[in-house]
Every structure is written in C-alpha cells, then in structure tokens.
N, C-alpha and C. Protein backbone atom coordinates (compact mmCIF):
# COMPACT_ATOMS: atom_id res chain seq x y z
N UNK A 1 -20.44 -19.31 -9.70
CA UNK A 1 -19.04 -19.50 -9.10
C UNK A 1 -18.62 -20.78 -8.81
N UNK A 2 -17.58 -21.06 -9.56
CA UNK A 2 -16.96 -22.43 -9.14
C UNK A 2 -16.47 -22.67 -7.95
N UNK A 3 -16.33 -23.78 -7.24
CA UNK A 3 -15.71 -24.06 -5.88
C UNK A 3 -14.59 -25.13 -5.96
N UNK A 4 -13.67 -24.96 -5.54
CA UNK A 4 -12.42 -25.96 -5.46
C UNK A 4 -12.25 -26.27 -3.87
N UNK A 5 -11.77 -27.31 -3.60
CA UNK A 5 -11.59 -27.62 -2.10
C UNK A 5 -10.12 -28.04 -2.32
N UNK A 6 -9.38 -27.64 -0.97
CA UNK A 6 -8.02 -27.85 -0.69
C UNK A 6 -7.83 -28.61 0.43
N UNK A 7 -6.87 -29.35 0.48
CA UNK A 7 -6.67 -30.24 1.82
C UNK A 7 -5.80 -29.65 2.71
N UNK A 8 -4.95 -28.85 2.40
CA UNK A 8 -4.01 -27.99 3.15
C UNK A 8 -4.38 -26.57 3.68
N UNK A 9 -3.64 -25.98 4.47
CA UNK A 9 -4.20 -24.65 4.89
C UNK A 9 -4.27 -23.77 4.08
N UNK A 10 -3.16 -23.82 2.98
CA UNK A 10 -3.33 -22.77 1.79
C UNK A 10 -2.79 -23.32 0.38
N UNK A 11 -3.05 -22.60 -0.52
CA UNK A 11 -2.58 -23.07 -1.87
C UNK A 11 -2.11 -21.79 -2.46
N UNK A 12 -1.11 -21.87 -3.27
CA UNK A 12 -0.55 -20.84 -4.04
C UNK A 12 -1.33 -20.34 -5.30
N UNK A 13 -1.49 -19.17 -5.36
CA UNK A 13 -2.29 -18.62 -6.52
C UNK A 13 -2.14 -19.16 -7.87
N UNK A 14 -0.92 -19.26 -8.17
CA UNK A 14 -0.58 -19.89 -9.58
C UNK A 14 -1.02 -21.46 -9.65
N UNK A 15 -1.13 -22.13 -8.48
CA UNK A 15 -1.77 -23.56 -8.29
C UNK A 15 -3.17 -23.46 -8.54
N UNK A 16 -3.79 -22.61 -8.08
CA UNK A 16 -5.26 -22.51 -8.12
C UNK A 16 -5.70 -22.18 -9.44
N UNK A 17 -5.16 -21.38 -10.37
CA UNK A 17 -5.59 -21.23 -11.64
C UNK A 17 -5.20 -22.73 -12.42
N UNK A 18 -4.23 -23.31 -12.19
CA UNK A 18 -3.93 -24.53 -12.83
C UNK A 18 -4.93 -25.54 -12.49
N UNK A 19 -5.13 -25.71 -11.08
CA UNK A 19 -6.20 -26.77 -10.58
C UNK A 19 -7.47 -26.68 -11.18
N UNK A 20 -7.95 -25.29 -11.37
CA UNK A 20 -9.16 -24.94 -11.68
C UNK A 20 -9.25 -24.95 -13.33
N UNK A 21 -8.03 -25.19 -13.96
CA UNK A 21 -8.15 -25.33 -15.32
C UNK A 21 -8.28 -24.22 -16.12
N UNK A 22 -8.18 -23.04 -15.62
CA UNK A 22 -7.94 -21.65 -16.10
C UNK A 22 -6.89 -21.49 -16.99
N UNK A 23 -5.64 -21.92 -16.77
CA UNK A 23 -4.43 -21.94 -17.39
C UNK A 23 -4.08 -23.30 -17.71
N UNK A 24 -3.23 -23.39 -18.80
CA UNK A 24 -2.61 -24.80 -19.20
C UNK A 24 -1.42 -25.06 -18.30
N UNK A 25 -0.45 -24.11 -17.98
CA UNK A 25 0.52 -24.47 -17.22
C UNK A 25 0.97 -23.58 -16.36
N UNK A 26 2.08 -23.87 -15.59
CA UNK A 26 2.52 -22.37 -14.55
C UNK A 26 3.14 -21.63 -15.22
N UNK A 27 3.52 -21.52 -16.37
CA UNK A 27 4.11 -20.39 -17.16
C UNK A 27 3.13 -19.43 -17.57
N UNK A 28 1.77 -20.01 -18.06
CA UNK A 28 0.80 -19.31 -18.29
C UNK A 28 0.11 -18.46 -17.24
N UNK A 29 0.28 -19.34 -16.09
CA UNK A 29 -0.37 -18.55 -14.79
C UNK A 29 0.38 -17.45 -14.42
N UNK A 30 1.87 -17.56 -14.42
CA UNK A 30 2.85 -16.62 -14.19
C UNK A 30 2.47 -15.36 -15.09
N UNK A 31 2.51 -15.58 -16.21
CA UNK A 31 2.28 -14.35 -17.20
C UNK A 31 0.99 -13.81 -16.88
N UNK A 32 -0.29 -14.46 -16.55
CA UNK A 32 -1.57 -13.80 -16.56
C UNK A 32 -1.54 -13.05 -15.09
N UNK A 33 -0.78 -13.53 -13.94
CA UNK A 33 -0.93 -13.06 -12.96
C UNK A 33 0.18 -11.78 -12.83
N UNK A 34 1.31 -11.83 -13.46
CA UNK A 34 2.13 -10.78 -13.64
C UNK A 34 1.69 -9.59 -14.32
N UNK A 35 0.78 -10.11 -15.41
CA UNK A 35 -0.10 -8.71 -16.29
C UNK A 35 -1.17 -8.18 -15.61
N UNK A 36 -1.41 -8.53 -14.37
CA UNK A 36 -2.40 -8.03 -13.50
C UNK A 36 -3.93 -8.52 -13.85
N UNK A 37 -4.11 -9.59 -14.50
CA UNK A 37 -5.27 -10.10 -14.85
C UNK A 37 -6.13 -10.89 -14.05
N UNK A 38 -5.41 -10.98 -12.76
CA UNK A 38 -6.03 -11.93 -11.63
C UNK A 38 -6.42 -11.18 -10.50
N UNK A 39 -7.61 -11.16 -10.07
CA UNK A 39 -7.98 -10.60 -8.83
C UNK A 39 -8.07 -11.52 -7.41
N UNK A 40 -7.74 -11.26 -6.50
CA UNK A 40 -8.00 -11.99 -5.23
C UNK A 40 -8.79 -11.23 -4.28
N UNK A 41 -9.91 -11.68 -3.91
CA UNK A 41 -10.95 -11.13 -3.11
C UNK A 41 -11.23 -9.55 -3.67
N UNK A 42 -11.22 -9.25 -4.93
CA UNK A 42 -11.55 -7.97 -5.47
C UNK A 42 -10.26 -6.98 -5.72
N UNK A 43 -9.11 -7.34 -5.37
CA UNK A 43 -8.05 -6.73 -5.69
C UNK A 43 -7.07 -7.55 -6.70
N UNK A 44 -6.30 -6.49 -7.39
CA UNK A 44 -5.44 -7.21 -8.43
C UNK A 44 -4.07 -7.73 -7.63
N UNK A 45 -4.01 -8.93 -7.77
CA UNK A 45 -2.78 -9.75 -7.35
C UNK A 45 -1.63 -9.92 -8.56
N UNK A 46 -0.49 -9.47 -8.29
CA UNK A 46 0.47 -9.70 -9.08
C UNK A 46 1.60 -10.85 -8.69
N UNK A 47 1.54 -11.47 -7.66
CA UNK A 47 2.42 -12.47 -7.07
C UNK A 47 1.72 -13.82 -7.13
N UNK A 48 2.31 -14.53 -7.96
CA UNK A 48 1.75 -16.00 -8.11
C UNK A 48 1.97 -16.73 -6.98
N UNK A 49 2.96 -16.45 -6.13
CA UNK A 49 3.15 -17.33 -4.97
C UNK A 49 1.99 -16.84 -3.52
N UNK A 50 1.28 -15.93 -3.86
CA UNK A 50 0.47 -15.40 -2.97
C UNK A 50 -0.26 -16.64 -2.41
N UNK A 51 -0.28 -16.63 -1.10
CA UNK A 51 -0.92 -17.88 -0.30
C UNK A 51 -2.58 -17.68 -0.53
N UNK A 52 -3.22 -18.62 -0.80
CA UNK A 52 -4.69 -18.42 -0.98
C UNK A 52 -5.46 -19.33 -0.04
N UNK A 53 -6.25 -18.79 1.02
CA UNK A 53 -6.87 -19.64 2.08
C UNK A 53 -8.26 -19.88 1.76
N UNK A 54 -8.86 -20.78 2.57
CA UNK A 54 -10.54 -21.24 2.36
C UNK A 54 -11.08 -19.95 2.52
N UNK A 55 -12.07 -19.61 1.67
CA UNK A 55 -12.82 -18.40 1.83
C UNK A 55 -12.35 -17.16 0.87
N UNK A 56 -11.17 -17.43 0.25
CA UNK A 56 -10.86 -16.45 -0.74
C UNK A 56 -11.55 -16.70 -2.05
N UNK A 57 -11.40 -15.46 -2.88
CA UNK A 57 -12.40 -15.60 -4.14
C UNK A 57 -11.24 -14.98 -5.14
N UNK A 58 -10.88 -15.97 -6.32
CA UNK A 58 -10.16 -15.47 -7.31
C UNK A 58 -11.10 -15.19 -8.49
N UNK A 59 -10.82 -14.21 -9.24
CA UNK A 59 -11.40 -13.90 -10.30
C UNK A 59 -10.40 -13.75 -11.62
N UNK A 60 -10.65 -14.44 -12.74
CA UNK A 60 -9.79 -14.52 -13.91
C UNK A 60 -10.72 -14.88 -14.98
N UNK A 61 -10.49 -13.77 -16.01
CA UNK A 61 -11.17 -14.10 -17.60
C UNK A 61 -12.63 -14.18 -17.29
N UNK A 62 -13.21 -13.45 -16.44
CA UNK A 62 -14.82 -13.38 -16.26
C UNK A 62 -15.48 -14.59 -15.46
N UNK A 63 -14.47 -15.41 -14.82
CA UNK A 63 -14.71 -16.42 -13.91
C UNK A 63 -14.49 -16.28 -12.55
N UNK A 64 -15.08 -17.05 -11.58
CA UNK A 64 -15.01 -16.61 -10.12
C UNK A 64 -14.66 -18.19 -9.58
N UNK A 65 -13.64 -18.12 -8.70
CA UNK A 65 -13.25 -19.43 -8.13
C UNK A 65 -13.40 -19.21 -6.47
N UNK A 66 -14.07 -19.83 -5.84
CA UNK A 66 -13.96 -20.01 -4.36
C UNK A 66 -13.37 -21.10 -3.78
N UNK A 67 -12.25 -20.79 -2.94
CA UNK A 67 -11.55 -21.83 -2.15
C UNK A 67 -12.09 -22.30 -0.96
N UNK A 68 -12.34 -23.54 -0.90
CA UNK A 68 -12.75 -24.09 0.45
C UNK A 68 -12.20 -25.20 1.05
N UNK A 69 -12.25 -25.45 2.34
CA UNK A 69 -11.56 -26.58 2.90
C UNK A 69 -12.47 -27.76 2.72
C-alpha cells in the first residue's frame, strides 16, 4: 500500500489520484471516478470533490493509497 502525506486537513479525491500518479490529468480522474472505478474505504465513490482525510484508503486499478498527515 502506497502512502501519501497531505499538509491540509483534507484533499479532494480527484487530487489524490493525480498526486499519487494514478491518472495523468484531472479529466482522467473525473472519468474514472464517475465511472465508479474508485473506492474510498471500500465503498464506490462517484464524486471527485469528495473530501479525503488522513486515514482514508483509496483503491484504484488494483492499487491502494493511504492518506496521512
């Protein structure tokens, strides 16, 4: 499981995918999220603006990312 650190209280889901290098652009993130290909804490999430906090786990394309402060 990959870990990424954030400095603010939260980060938006689309930004997590870009920051972790799982998608090339915000448009790619939007499409993948809206198509239901992204899980947040084991649940399908279709909102790219979903606030992600430290401790949340994002799953996409067989990879897991844990967000930390």
